[in-house]
Amino acid sequence: MKMLLYLAGMFIDTFGITHPSEEARYRAARYIAFLLLLTFLLLCTVIAVAVHLLHE
């Protein structure tokens, strides 16, 4: 979770956004984790389909 909080903080500092409350930081970290997981699952699905199609 610390890494996700760090990423959220980097994003906030990079774009000059007003620093949010602690609750909002945790919510942003959970959102980032969800997006990373979704991206990973999508990538795995695309690779699995590609491997399946190439081995037919």
PDB file of N, CA and C in Angstrom:
ATOM      1  N   MET A   1       0.827  -1.192   0.000  1.00  0.00           N
ATOM      2  CA  MET A   1       0.000   0.000   0.000  1.00  0.00           C
ATOM      3  C   MET A   1       0.869   1.253   0.000  1.00  0.00           C
ATOM      4  N   LYS A   2       2.051   1.172   0.641  1.00  0.00           N
ATOM      5  CA  LYS A   2       2.923   2.347   0.678  1.00  0.00           C
ATOM      6  C   LYS A   2       3.348   2.758  -0.726  1.00  0.00           C
ATOM      7  N   MET A   3       3.600   1.769  -1.579  1.00  0.00           N
ATOM      8  CA  MET A   3       4.008   2.078  -2.949  1.00  0.00           C
ATOM      9  C   MET A   3       2.878   2.804  -3.686  1.00  0.00           C
ATOM     10  N   LEU A   4       1.647   2.363  -3.488  1.00  0.00           N
ATOM     11  CA  LEU A   4       0.509   3.012  -4.143  1.00  0.00           C
ATOM     12  C   LEU A   4       0.295   4.424  -3.609  1.00  0.00           C
ATOM     13  N   LEU A   5       0.476   4.607  -2.313  1.00  0.00           N
ATOM     14  CA  LEU A   5       0.370   5.943  -1.736  1.00  0.00           C
ATOM     15  C   LEU A   5       1.478   6.847  -2.286  1.00  0.00           C
ATOM     16  N   TYR A   6       2.659   6.267  -2.474  1.00  0.00           N
ATOM     17  CA  TYR A   6       3.771   7.016  -3.059  1.00  0.00           C
ATOM     18  C   TYR A   6       3.430   7.441  -4.485  1.00  0.00           C
ATOM     19  N   LEU A   7       2.885   6.512  -5.282  1.00  0.00           N
ATOM     20  CA  LEU A   7       2.505   6.833  -6.660  1.00  0.00           C
ATOM     21  C   LEU A   7       1.440   7.927  -6.700  1.00  0.00           C
ATOM     22  N   ALA A   8       0.461   7.819  -5.817  1.00  0.00           N
ATOM     23  CA  ALA A   8      -0.593   8.838  -5.758  1.00  0.00           C
ATOM     24  C   ALA A   8       0.012  10.197  -5.394  1.00  0.00           C
ATOM     25  N   GLY A   9       0.943  10.206  -4.445  1.00  0.00           N
ATOM     26  CA  GLY A   9       1.609  11.443  -4.055  1.00  0.00           C
ATOM     27  C   GLY A   9       2.433  12.037  -5.181  1.00  0.00           C
ATOM     28  N   MET A  10       3.116  11.175  -5.943  1.00  0.00           N
ATOM     29  CA  MET A  10       3.902  11.642  -7.080  1.00  0.00           C
ATOM     30  C   MET A  10       2.997  12.281  -8.132  1.00  0.00           C
ATOM     31  N   PHE A  11       1.861  11.651  -8.399  1.00  0.00           N
ATOM     32  CA  PHE A  11       0.909  12.195  -9.368  1.00  0.00           C
ATOM     33  C   PHE A  11       0.405  13.558  -8.910  1.00  0.00           C
ATOM     34  N   ILE A  12       0.046  13.645  -7.643  1.00  0.00           N
ATOM     35  CA  ILE A  12      -0.477  14.897  -7.092  1.00  0.00           C
ATOM     36  C   ILE A  12       0.580  15.995  -7.170  1.00  0.00           C
ATOM     37  N   ASP A  13       1.829  15.671  -6.803  1.00  0.00           N
ATOM     38  CA  ASP A  13       2.902  16.666  -6.837  1.00  0.00           C
ATOM     39  C   ASP A  13       3.267  17.066  -8.263  1.00  0.00           C
ATOM     40  N   THR A  14       3.235  16.112  -9.177  1.00  0.00           N
ATOM     41  CA  THR A  14       3.608  16.399 -10.562  1.00  0.00           C
ATOM     42  C   THR A  14       2.645  17.385 -11.205  1.00  0.00           C
ATOM     43  N   PHE A  15       1.365  17.197 -10.974  1.00  0.00           N
ATOM     44  CA  PHE A  15       0.373  18.045 -11.624  1.00  0.00           C
ATOM     45  C   PHE A  15      -0.071  19.229 -10.769  1.00  0.00           C
ATOM     46  N   GLY A  16       0.540  19.400  -9.607  1.00  0.00           N
ATOM     47  CA  GLY A  16       0.260  20.571  -8.789  1.00  0.00           C
ATOM     48  C   GLY A  16      -1.133  20.592  -8.193  1.00  0.00           C
ATOM     49  N   ILE A  17      -1.687  19.416  -7.961  1.00  0.00           N
ATOM     50  CA  ILE A  17      -3.026  19.322  -7.381  1.00  0.00           C
ATOM     51  C   ILE A  17      -2.931  19.592  -5.877  1.00  0.00           C
ATOM     52  N   THR A  18      -3.926  20.236  -5.317  1.00  0.00           N
ATOM     53  CA  THR A  18      -3.970  20.470  -3.877  1.00  0.00           C
ATOM     54  C   THR A  18      -3.954  19.133  -3.156  1.00  0.00           C
ATOM     55  N   HIS A  19      -3.131  19.030  -2.131  1.00  0.00           N
ATOM     56  CA  HIS A  19      -2.998  17.767  -1.405  1.00  0.00           C
ATOM     57  C   HIS A  19      -4.323  17.401  -0.736  1.00  0.00           C
ATOM     58  N   PRO A  20      -4.781  16.173  -0.987  1.00  0.00           N
ATOM     59  CA  PRO A  20      -6.063  15.730  -0.428  1.00  0.00           C
ATOM     60  C   PRO A  20      -5.912  15.266   1.023  1.00  0.00           C
ATOM     61  N   SER A  21      -7.044  14.960   1.621  1.00  0.00           N
ATOM     62  CA  SER A  21      -7.034  14.419   2.979  1.00  0.00           C
ATOM     63  C   SER A  21      -6.493  12.991   2.947  1.00  0.00           C
ATOM     64  N   GLU A  22      -6.224  12.445   4.106  1.00  0.00           N
ATOM     65  CA  GLU A  22      -5.711  11.066   4.196  1.00  0.00           C
ATOM     66  C   GLU A  22      -6.702  10.074   3.585  1.00  0.00           C
ATOM     67  N   GLU A  23      -7.972  10.274   3.839  1.00  0.00           N
ATOM     68  CA  GLU A  23      -8.999   9.373   3.293  1.00  0.00           C
ATOM     69  C   GLU A  23      -8.986   9.401   1.764  1.00  0.00           C
ATOM     70  N   ALA A  24      -8.849  10.585   1.207  1.00  0.00           N
ATOM     71  CA  ALA A  24      -8.818  10.706  -0.249  1.00  0.00           C
ATOM     72  C   ALA A  24      -7.550  10.082  -0.826  1.00  0.00           C
ATOM     73  N   ARG A  25      -6.431  10.177  -0.101  1.00  0.00           N
ATOM     74  CA  ARG A  25      -5.189   9.539  -0.560  1.00  0.00           C
ATOM     75  C   ARG A  25      -5.349   8.022  -0.600  1.00  0.00           C
ATOM     76  N   TYR A  26      -5.970   7.445   0.416  1.00  0.00           N
ATOM     77  CA  TYR A  26      -6.188   5.997   0.431  1.00  0.00           C
ATOM     78  C   TYR A  26      -7.154   5.575  -0.670  1.00  0.00           C
ATOM     79  N   ARG A  27      -8.155   6.389  -0.912  1.00  0.00           N
ATOM     80  CA  ARG A  27      -9.103   6.097  -1.990  1.00  0.00           C
ATOM     81  C   ARG A  27      -8.388   6.131  -3.340  1.00  0.00           C
ATOM     82  N   ALA A  28      -7.507   7.098  -3.540  1.00  0.00           N
ATOM     83  CA  ALA A  28      -6.729   7.180  -4.776  1.00  0.00           C
ATOM     84  C   ALA A  28      -5.804   5.975  -4.916  1.00  0.00           C
ATOM     85  N   ALA A  29      -5.197   5.550  -3.818  1.00  0.00           N
ATOM     86  CA  ALA A  29      -4.310   4.387  -3.857  1.00  0.00           C
ATOM     87  C   ALA A  29      -5.088   3.124  -4.221  1.00  0.00           C
ATOM     88  N   ARG A  30      -6.279   2.963  -3.676  1.00  0.00           N
ATOM     89  CA  ARG A  30      -7.108   1.799  -4.027  1.00  0.00           C
ATOM     90  C   ARG A  30      -7.520   1.854  -5.488  1.00  0.00           C
ATOM     91  N   TYR A  31      -7.818   3.038  -5.996  1.00  0.00           N
ATOM     92  CA  TYR A  31      -8.192   3.209  -7.397  1.00  0.00           C
ATOM     93  C   TYR A  31      -7.022   2.853  -8.311  1.00  0.00           C
ATOM     94  N   ILE A  32      -5.827   3.302  -7.950  1.00  0.00           N
ATOM     95  CA  ILE A  32      -4.635   2.955  -8.721  1.00  0.00           C
ATOM     96  C   ILE A  32      -4.414   1.453  -8.709  1.00  0.00           C
ATOM     97  N   ALA A  33      -4.577   0.815  -7.547  1.00  0.00           N
ATOM     98  CA  ALA A  33      -4.412  -0.639  -7.457  1.00  0.00           C
ATOM     99  C   ALA A  33      -5.428  -1.348  -8.345  1.00  0.00           C
ATOM    100  N   PHE A  34      -6.655  -0.874  -8.343  1.00  0.00           N
ATOM    101  CA  PHE A  34      -7.694  -1.473  -9.183  1.00  0.00           C
ATOM    102  C   PHE A  34      -7.333  -1.345 -10.664  1.00  0.00           C
ATOM    103  N   LEU A  35      -6.875  -0.182 -11.071  1.00  0.00           N
ATOM    104  CA  LEU A  35      -6.507   0.024 -12.479  1.00  0.00           C
ATOM    105  C   LEU A  35      -5.309  -0.837 -12.881  1.00  0.00           C
ATOM    106  N   LEU A  36      -4.327  -0.965 -11.994  1.00  0.00           N
ATOM    107  CA  LEU A  36      -3.177  -1.824 -12.289  1.00  0.00           C
ATOM    108  C   LEU A  36      -3.598  -3.279 -12.425  1.00  0.00           C
ATOM    109  N   LEU A  37      -4.465  -3.739 -11.527  1.00  0.00           N
ATOM    110  CA  LEU A  37      -4.954  -5.111 -11.593  1.00  0.00           C
ATOM    111  C   LEU A  37      -5.763  -5.337 -12.863  1.00  0.00           C
ATOM    112  N   LEU A  38      -6.616  -4.402 -13.200  1.00  0.00           N
ATOM    113  CA  LEU A  38      -7.420  -4.505 -14.415  1.00  0.00           C
ATOM    114  C   LEU A  38      -6.532  -4.555 -15.655  1.00  0.00           C
ATOM    115  N   THR A  39      -5.516  -3.721 -15.702  1.00  0.00           N
ATOM    116  CA  THR A  39      -4.572  -3.717 -16.824  1.00  0.00           C
ATOM    117  C   THR A  39      -3.835  -5.040 -16.926  1.00  0.00           C
ATOM    118  N   PHE A  40      -3.390  -5.563 -15.795  1.00  0.00           N
ATOM    119  CA  PHE A  40      -2.686  -6.844 -15.764  1.00  0.00           C
ATOM    120  C   PHE A  40      -3.583  -7.972 -16.269  1.00  0.00           C
ATOM    121  N   LEU A  41      -4.827  -8.014 -15.805  1.00  0.00           N
ATOM    122  CA  LEU A  41      -5.754  -9.055 -16.241  1.00  0.00           C
ATOM    123  C   LEU A  41      -6.073  -8.939 -17.728  1.00  0.00           C
ATOM    124  N   LEU A  42      -6.230  -7.734 -18.218  1.00  0.00           N
ATOM    125  CA  LEU A  42      -6.487  -7.523 -19.638  1.00  0.00           C
ATOM    126  C   LEU A  42      -5.298  -7.978 -20.474  1.00  0.00           C
ATOM    127  N   LEU A  43      -4.106  -7.652 -20.038  1.00  0.00           N
ATOM    128  CA  LEU A  43      -2.893  -8.063 -20.742  1.00  0.00           C
ATOM    129  C   LEU A  43      -2.766  -9.586 -20.754  1.00  0.00           C
ATOM    130  N   CYS A  44      -3.024 -10.232 -19.633  1.00  0.00           N
ATOM    131  CA  CYS A  44      -2.974 -11.699 -19.567  1.00  0.00           C
ATOM    132  C   CYS A  44      -4.009 -12.326 -20.501  1.00  0.00           C
ATOM    133  N   THR A  45      -5.182 -11.747 -20.558  1.00  0.00           N
ATOM    134  CA  THR A  45      -6.232 -12.266 -21.438  1.00  0.00           C
ATOM    135  C   THR A  45      -5.821 -12.140 -22.902  1.00  0.00           C
ATOM    136  N   VAL A  46      -5.278 -10.996 -23.283  1.00  0.00           N
ATOM    137  CA  VAL A  46      -4.844 -10.787 -24.665  1.00  0.00           C
ATOM    138  C   VAL A  46      -3.729 -11.768 -25.028  1.00  0.00           C
ATOM    139  N   ILE A  47      -2.789 -11.965 -24.126  1.00  0.00           N
ATOM    140  CA  ILE A  47      -1.702 -12.912 -24.386  1.00  0.00           C
ATOM    141  C   ILE A  47      -2.237 -14.330 -24.506  1.00  0.00           C
ATOM    142  N   ALA A  48      -3.154 -14.718 -23.627  1.00  0.00           N
ATOM    143  CA  ALA A  48      -3.722 -16.068 -23.679  1.00  0.00           C
ATOM    144  C   ALA A  48      -4.476 -16.301 -24.986  1.00  0.00           C
ATOM    145  N   VAL A  49      -5.244 -15.341 -25.423  1.00  0.00           N
ATOM    146  CA  VAL A  49      -5.970 -15.465 -26.687  1.00  0.00           C
ATOM    147  C   VAL A  49      -4.992 -15.546 -27.855  1.00  0.00           C
ATOM    148  N   ALA A  50      -3.954 -14.724 -27.848  1.00  0.00           N
ATOM    149  CA  ALA A  50      -2.969 -14.735 -28.913  1.00  0.00           C
ATOM    150  C   ALA A  50      -2.245 -16.081 -28.980  1.00  0.00           C
ATOM    151  N   VAL A  51      -1.862 -16.618 -27.838  1.00  0.00           N
ATOM    152  CA  VAL A  51      -1.189 -17.921 -27.794  1.00  0.00           C
ATOM    153  C   VAL A  51      -2.133 -19.001 -28.286  1.00  0.00           C
ATOM    154  N   HIS A  52      -3.373 -18.946 -27.882  1.00  0.00           N
ATOM    155  CA  HIS A  52      -4.353 -19.935 -28.318  1.00  0.00           C
ATOM    156  C   HIS A  52      -4.541 -19.890 -29.837  1.00  0.00           C
ATOM    157  N   LEU A  53      -4.647 -18.698 -30.395  1.00  0.00           N
ATOM    158  CA  LEU A  53      -4.842 -18.556 -31.829  1.00  0.00           C
ATOM    159  C   LEU A  53      -3.601 -18.963 -32.636  1.00  0.00           C
ATOM    160  N   LEU A  54      -2.434 -18.722 -32.093  1.00  0.00           N
ATOM    161  CA  LEU A  54      -1.196 -19.057 -32.796  1.00  0.00           C
ATOM    162  C   LEU A  54      -0.872 -20.548 -32.760  1.00  0.00           C
ATOM    163  N   HIS A  55      -1.412 -21.261 -31.806  1.00  0.00           N
ATOM    164  CA  HIS A  55      -1.113 -22.691 -31.669  1.00  0.00           C
ATOM    165  C   HIS A  55      -2.202 -23.574 -32.270  1.00  0.00           C
ATOM    166  N   GLU A  56      -3.088 -23.018 -33.031  1.00  0.00           N
ATOM    167  CA  GLU A  56      -4.132 -23.835 -33.660  1.00  0.00           C
ATOM    168  C   GLU A  56      -3.648 -24.443 -34.946  1.00  0.00           C
TER     169      GLU A  56
END
